[in-house]
Amino acid sequence: MAAFVFGLLGRACCIGMCGGIMGALSFSMPAELWRPRRVFGLLLGLNVGRISSCMI
């Protein structure tokens, strides 16, 4: 039960910080980079870094 409550309390941080950061980085990429493989690699790297920093 405690883990569920902490998860609910932590979602505001995730939506506000991680969502905003990922949105800004995604939309700031120039149109030339929007090739499927390139975008997948960039977004995968960004998400792995974001999740790793949250786990630490």
PDB file of N, CA and C in Angstrom:
ATOM      1  N   MET A   1       0.820  -1.193   0.000  1.00  0.00           N
ATOM      2  CA  MET A   1       0.000   0.000   0.000  1.00  0.00           C
ATOM      3  C   MET A   1       0.868   1.263   0.000  1.00  0.00           C
ATOM      4  N   ALA A   2       1.951   1.231   0.774  1.00  0.00           N
ATOM      5  CA  ALA A   2       2.829   2.400   0.849  1.00  0.00           C
ATOM      6  C   ALA A   2       3.472   2.688  -0.508  1.00  0.00           C
ATOM      7  N   ALA A   3       3.866   1.643  -1.216  1.00  0.00           N
ATOM      8  CA  ALA A   3       4.487   1.842  -2.529  1.00  0.00           C
ATOM      9  C   ALA A   3       3.496   2.486  -3.498  1.00  0.00           C
ATOM     10  N   PHE A   4       2.242   2.103  -3.399  1.00  0.00           N
ATOM     11  CA  PHE A   4       1.207   2.692  -4.248  1.00  0.00           C
ATOM     12  C   PHE A   4       1.030   4.177  -3.955  1.00  0.00           C
ATOM     13  N   VAL A   5       1.002   4.533  -2.677  1.00  0.00           N
ATOM     14  CA  VAL A   5       0.844   5.937  -2.286  1.00  0.00           C
ATOM     15  C   VAL A   5       2.047   6.753  -2.738  1.00  0.00           C
ATOM     16  N   PHE A   6       3.253   6.227  -2.551  1.00  0.00           N
ATOM     17  CA  PHE A   6       4.454   6.941  -2.998  1.00  0.00           C
ATOM     18  C   PHE A   6       4.459   7.096  -4.520  1.00  0.00           C
ATOM     19  N   GLY A   7       3.970   6.105  -5.221  1.00  0.00           N
ATOM     20  CA  GLY A   7       3.868   6.200  -6.673  1.00  0.00           C
ATOM     21  C   GLY A   7       2.916   7.307  -7.102  1.00  0.00           C
ATOM     22  N   LEU A   8       1.786   7.417  -6.422  1.00  0.00           N
ATOM     23  CA  LEU A   8       0.843   8.484  -6.729  1.00  0.00           C
ATOM     24  C   LEU A   8       1.428   9.857  -6.416  1.00  0.00           C
ATOM     25  N   LEU A   9       2.152   9.966  -5.326  1.00  0.00           N
ATOM     26  CA  LEU A   9       2.755  11.246  -4.960  1.00  0.00           C
ATOM     27  C   LEU A   9       3.887  11.627  -5.907  1.00  0.00           C
ATOM     28  N   GLY A  10       4.607  10.653  -6.433  1.00  0.00           N
ATOM     29  CA  GLY A  10       5.736  10.921  -7.306  1.00  0.00           C
ATOM     30  C   GLY A  10       5.369  11.220  -8.743  1.00  0.00           C
ATOM     31  N   ARG A  11       4.144  10.943  -9.129  1.00  0.00           N
ATOM     32  CA  ARG A  11       3.791  11.136 -10.537  1.00  0.00           C
ATOM     33  C   ARG A  11       3.772  12.601 -10.936  1.00  0.00           C
ATOM     34  N   ALA A  12       3.488  13.502  -9.997  1.00  0.00           N
ATOM     35  CA  ALA A  12       3.502  14.934 -10.339  1.00  0.00           C
ATOM     36  C   ALA A  12       4.908  15.367 -10.736  1.00  0.00           C
ATOM     37  N   CYS A  13       5.897  14.849 -10.049  1.00  0.00           N
ATOM     38  CA  CYS A  13       7.289  15.148 -10.382  1.00  0.00           C
ATOM     39  C   CYS A  13       7.612  14.620 -11.774  1.00  0.00           C
ATOM     40  N   CYS A  14       7.213  13.422 -12.066  1.00  0.00           N
ATOM     41  CA  CYS A  14       7.487  12.828 -13.379  1.00  0.00           C
ATOM     42  C   CYS A  14       6.805  13.590 -14.503  1.00  0.00           C
ATOM     43  N   ILE A  15       5.555  13.956 -14.297  1.00  0.00           N
ATOM     44  CA  ILE A  15       4.825  14.671 -15.343  1.00  0.00           C
ATOM     45  C   ILE A  15       5.416  16.062 -15.545  1.00  0.00           C
ATOM     46  N   GLY A  16       5.695  16.747 -14.466  1.00  0.00           N
ATOM     47  CA  GLY A  16       6.193  18.109 -14.556  1.00  0.00           C
ATOM     48  C   GLY A  16       7.608  18.217 -15.056  1.00  0.00           C
ATOM     49  N   MET A  17       8.491  17.376 -14.539  1.00  0.00           N
ATOM     50  CA  MET A  17       9.903  17.492 -14.894  1.00  0.00           C
ATOM     51  C   MET A  17      10.257  16.630 -16.098  1.00  0.00           C
ATOM     52  N   CYS A  18      10.077  15.349 -15.985  1.00  0.00           N
ATOM     53  CA  CYS A  18      10.502  14.443 -17.062  1.00  0.00           C
ATOM     54  C   CYS A  18       9.680  14.640 -18.322  1.00  0.00           C
ATOM     55  N   GLY A  19       8.384  14.831 -18.166  1.00  0.00           N
ATOM     56  CA  GLY A  19       7.541  15.060 -19.335  1.00  0.00           C
ATOM     57  C   GLY A  19       7.910  16.341 -20.052  1.00  0.00           C
ATOM     58  N   GLY A  20       8.143  17.389 -19.285  1.00  0.00           N
ATOM     59  CA  GLY A  20       8.524  18.669 -19.879  1.00  0.00           C
ATOM     60  C   GLY A  20       9.888  18.622 -20.540  1.00  0.00           C
ATOM     61  N   ILE A  21      10.826  17.965 -19.886  1.00  0.00           N
ATOM     62  CA  ILE A  21      12.179  17.852 -20.438  1.00  0.00           C
ATOM     63  C   ILE A  21      12.160  17.033 -21.722  1.00  0.00           C
ATOM     64  N   MET A  22      11.492  15.892 -21.700  1.00  0.00           N
ATOM     65  CA  MET A  22      11.441  15.047 -22.897  1.00  0.00           C
ATOM     66  C   MET A  22      10.692  15.747 -24.026  1.00  0.00           C
ATOM     67  N   GLY A  23       9.624  16.457 -23.701  1.00  0.00           N
ATOM     68  CA  GLY A  23       8.890  17.179 -24.728  1.00  0.00           C
ATOM     69  C   GLY A  23       9.739  18.278 -25.361  1.00  0.00           C
ATOM     70  N   ALA A  24      10.443  19.028 -24.519  1.00  0.00           N
ATOM     71  CA  ALA A  24      11.283  20.108 -25.034  1.00  0.00           C
ATOM     72  C   ALA A  24      12.413  19.566 -25.898  1.00  0.00           C
ATOM     73  N   LEU A  25      13.055  18.499 -25.453  1.00  0.00           N
ATOM     74  CA  LEU A  25      14.146  17.927 -26.234  1.00  0.00           C
ATOM     75  C   LEU A  25      13.640  17.301 -27.539  1.00  0.00           C
ATOM     76  N   SER A  26      12.489  16.682 -27.488  1.00  0.00           N
ATOM     77  CA  SER A  26      11.935  16.063 -28.695  1.00  0.00           C
ATOM     78  C   SER A  26      11.547  17.106 -29.730  1.00  0.00           C
ATOM     79  N   PHE A  27      10.889  18.171 -29.285  1.00  0.00           N
ATOM     80  CA  PHE A  27      10.424  19.187 -30.223  1.00  0.00           C
ATOM     81  C   PHE A  27      11.525  20.136 -30.666  1.00  0.00           C
ATOM     82  N   SER A  28      12.665  20.119 -29.984  1.00  0.00           N
ATOM     83  CA  SER A  28      13.752  21.013 -30.374  1.00  0.00           C
ATOM     84  C   SER A  28      14.654  20.408 -31.450  1.00  0.00           C
ATOM     85  N   MET A  29      14.436  19.132 -31.783  1.00  0.00           N
ATOM     86  CA  MET A  29      15.249  18.501 -32.818  1.00  0.00           C
ATOM     87  C   MET A  29      14.880  19.061 -34.187  1.00  0.00           C
ATOM     88  N   PRO A  30      15.885  19.386 -34.998  1.00  0.00           N
ATOM     89  CA  PRO A  30      15.597  19.887 -36.352  1.00  0.00           C
ATOM     90  C   PRO A  30      14.916  18.827 -37.209  1.00  0.00           C
ATOM     91  N   ALA A  31      14.202  19.275 -38.216  1.00  0.00           N
ATOM     92  CA  ALA A  31      13.443  18.362 -39.082  1.00  0.00           C
ATOM     93  C   ALA A  31      14.344  17.356 -39.788  1.00  0.00           C
ATOM     94  N   GLU A  32      15.610  17.713 -40.026  1.00  0.00           N
ATOM     95  CA  GLU A  32      16.515  16.792 -40.725  1.00  0.00           C
ATOM     96  C   GLU A  32      16.806  15.531 -39.902  1.00  0.00           C
ATOM     97  N   LEU A  33      16.673  15.615 -38.584  1.00  0.00           N
ATOM     98  CA  LEU A  33      16.959  14.470 -37.723  1.00  0.00           C
ATOM     99  C   LEU A  33      15.770  13.530 -37.569  1.00  0.00           C
ATOM    100  N   TRP A  34      14.621  13.892 -38.090  1.00  0.00           N
ATOM    101  CA  TRP A  34      13.430  13.081 -37.898  1.00  0.00           C
ATOM    102  C   TRP A  34      13.377  11.904 -38.862  1.00  0.00           C
ATOM    103  N   ARG A  35      14.404  11.082 -38.815  1.00  0.00           N
ATOM    104  CA  ARG A  35      14.401   9.796 -39.522  1.00  0.00           C
ATOM    105  C   ARG A  35      14.153   8.732 -38.465  1.00  0.00           C
ATOM    106  N   PRO A  36      13.369   7.706 -38.753  1.00  0.00           N
ATOM    107  CA  PRO A  36      12.960   6.750 -37.724  1.00  0.00           C
ATOM    108  C   PRO A  36      14.107   6.169 -36.896  1.00  0.00           C
ATOM    109  N   ARG A  37      15.167   5.704 -37.516  1.00  0.00           N
ATOM    110  CA  ARG A  37      16.265   5.106 -36.751  1.00  0.00           C
ATOM    111  C   ARG A  37      16.976   6.148 -35.902  1.00  0.00           C
ATOM    112  N   ARG A  38      17.190   7.314 -36.441  1.00  0.00           N
ATOM    113  CA  ARG A  38      17.885   8.384 -35.726  1.00  0.00           C
ATOM    114  C   ARG A  38      17.061   8.844 -34.516  1.00  0.00           C
ATOM    115  N   VAL A  39      15.778   9.056 -34.726  1.00  0.00           N
ATOM    116  CA  VAL A  39      14.902   9.503 -33.641  1.00  0.00           C
ATOM    117  C   VAL A  39      14.818   8.434 -32.560  1.00  0.00           C
ATOM    118  N   PHE A  40      14.703   7.176 -32.961  1.00  0.00           N
ATOM    119  CA  PHE A  40      14.620   6.089 -31.984  1.00  0.00           C
ATOM    120  C   PHE A  40      15.868   6.062 -31.109  1.00  0.00           C
ATOM    121  N   GLY A  41      17.042   6.186 -31.718  1.00  0.00           N
ATOM    122  CA  GLY A  41      18.289   6.179 -30.955  1.00  0.00           C
ATOM    123  C   GLY A  41      18.400   7.357 -30.001  1.00  0.00           C
ATOM    124  N   LEU A  42      18.021   8.540 -30.456  1.00  0.00           N
ATOM    125  CA  LEU A  42      18.085   9.720 -29.601  1.00  0.00           C
ATOM    126  C   LEU A  42      17.112   9.631 -28.429  1.00  0.00           C
ATOM    127  N   LEU A  43      15.881   9.255 -28.717  1.00  0.00           N
ATOM    128  CA  LEU A  43      14.881   9.164 -27.654  1.00  0.00           C
ATOM    129  C   LEU A  43      15.179   8.017 -26.696  1.00  0.00           C
ATOM    130  N   LEU A  44      15.725   6.923 -27.205  1.00  0.00           N
ATOM    131  CA  LEU A  44      16.112   5.823 -26.328  1.00  0.00           C
ATOM    132  C   LEU A  44      17.216   6.270 -25.374  1.00  0.00           C
ATOM    133  N   GLY A  45      18.209   6.969 -25.895  1.00  0.00           N
ATOM    134  CA  GLY A  45      19.278   7.472 -25.048  1.00  0.00           C
ATOM    135  C   GLY A  45      18.789   8.447 -23.996  1.00  0.00           C
ATOM    136  N   LEU A  46      17.897   9.351 -24.393  1.00  0.00           N
ATOM    137  CA  LEU A  46      17.344  10.311 -23.443  1.00  0.00           C
ATOM    138  C   LEU A  46      16.551   9.623 -22.336  1.00  0.00           C
ATOM    139  N   ASN A  47      15.750   8.639 -22.713  1.00  0.00           N
ATOM    140  CA  ASN A  47      14.930   7.946 -21.716  1.00  0.00           C
ATOM    141  C   ASN A  47      15.760   7.058 -20.799  1.00  0.00           C
ATOM    142  N   VAL A  48      16.769   6.398 -21.330  1.00  0.00           N
ATOM    143  CA  VAL A  48      17.641   5.574 -20.481  1.00  0.00           C
ATOM    144  C   VAL A  48      18.369   6.453 -19.472  1.00  0.00           C
ATOM    145  N   GLY A  49      18.851   7.592 -19.908  1.00  0.00           N
ATOM    146  CA  GLY A  49      19.515   8.514 -19.001  1.00  0.00           C
ATOM    147  C   GLY A  49      18.584   9.055 -17.946  1.00  0.00           C
ATOM    148  N   ARG A  50      17.370   9.385 -18.336  1.00  0.00           N
ATOM    149  CA  ARG A  50      16.364   9.917 -17.400  1.00  0.00           C
ATOM    150  C   ARG A  50      15.981   8.869 -16.355  1.00  0.00           C
ATOM    151  N   ILE A  51      15.734   7.654 -16.808  1.00  0.00           N
ATOM    152  CA  ILE A  51      15.326   6.588 -15.884  1.00  0.00           C
ATOM    153  C   ILE A  51      16.498   6.216 -14.959  1.00  0.00           C
ATOM    154  N   SER A  52      17.709   6.165 -15.503  1.00  0.00           N
ATOM    155  CA  SER A  52      18.878   5.842 -14.678  1.00  0.00           C
ATOM    156  C   SER A  52      19.085   6.887 -13.587  1.00  0.00           C
ATOM    157  N   SER A  53      18.935   8.154 -13.930  1.00  0.00           N
ATOM    158  CA  SER A  53      19.124   9.189 -12.918  1.00  0.00           C
ATOM    159  C   SER A  53      18.041   9.126 -11.854  1.00  0.00           C
ATOM    160  N   CYS A  54      16.829   8.758 -12.226  1.00  0.00           N
ATOM    161  CA  CYS A  54      15.763   8.608 -11.218  1.00  0.00           C
ATOM    162  C   CYS A  54      16.030   7.418 -10.294  1.00  0.00           C
ATOM    163  N   MET A  55      16.585   6.343 -10.835  1.00  0.00           N
ATOM    164  CA  MET A  55      16.872   5.169 -10.008  1.00  0.00           C
ATOM    165  C   MET A  55      18.003   5.440  -9.025  1.00  0.00           C
ATOM    166  N   ILE A  56      18.967   6.249  -9.458  1.00  0.00           N
ATOM    167  CA  ILE A  56      20.096   6.552  -8.578  1.00  0.00           C
ATOM    168  C   ILE A  56      19.617   7.455  -7.464  1.00  0.00           C
TER     169      ILE A  56
END
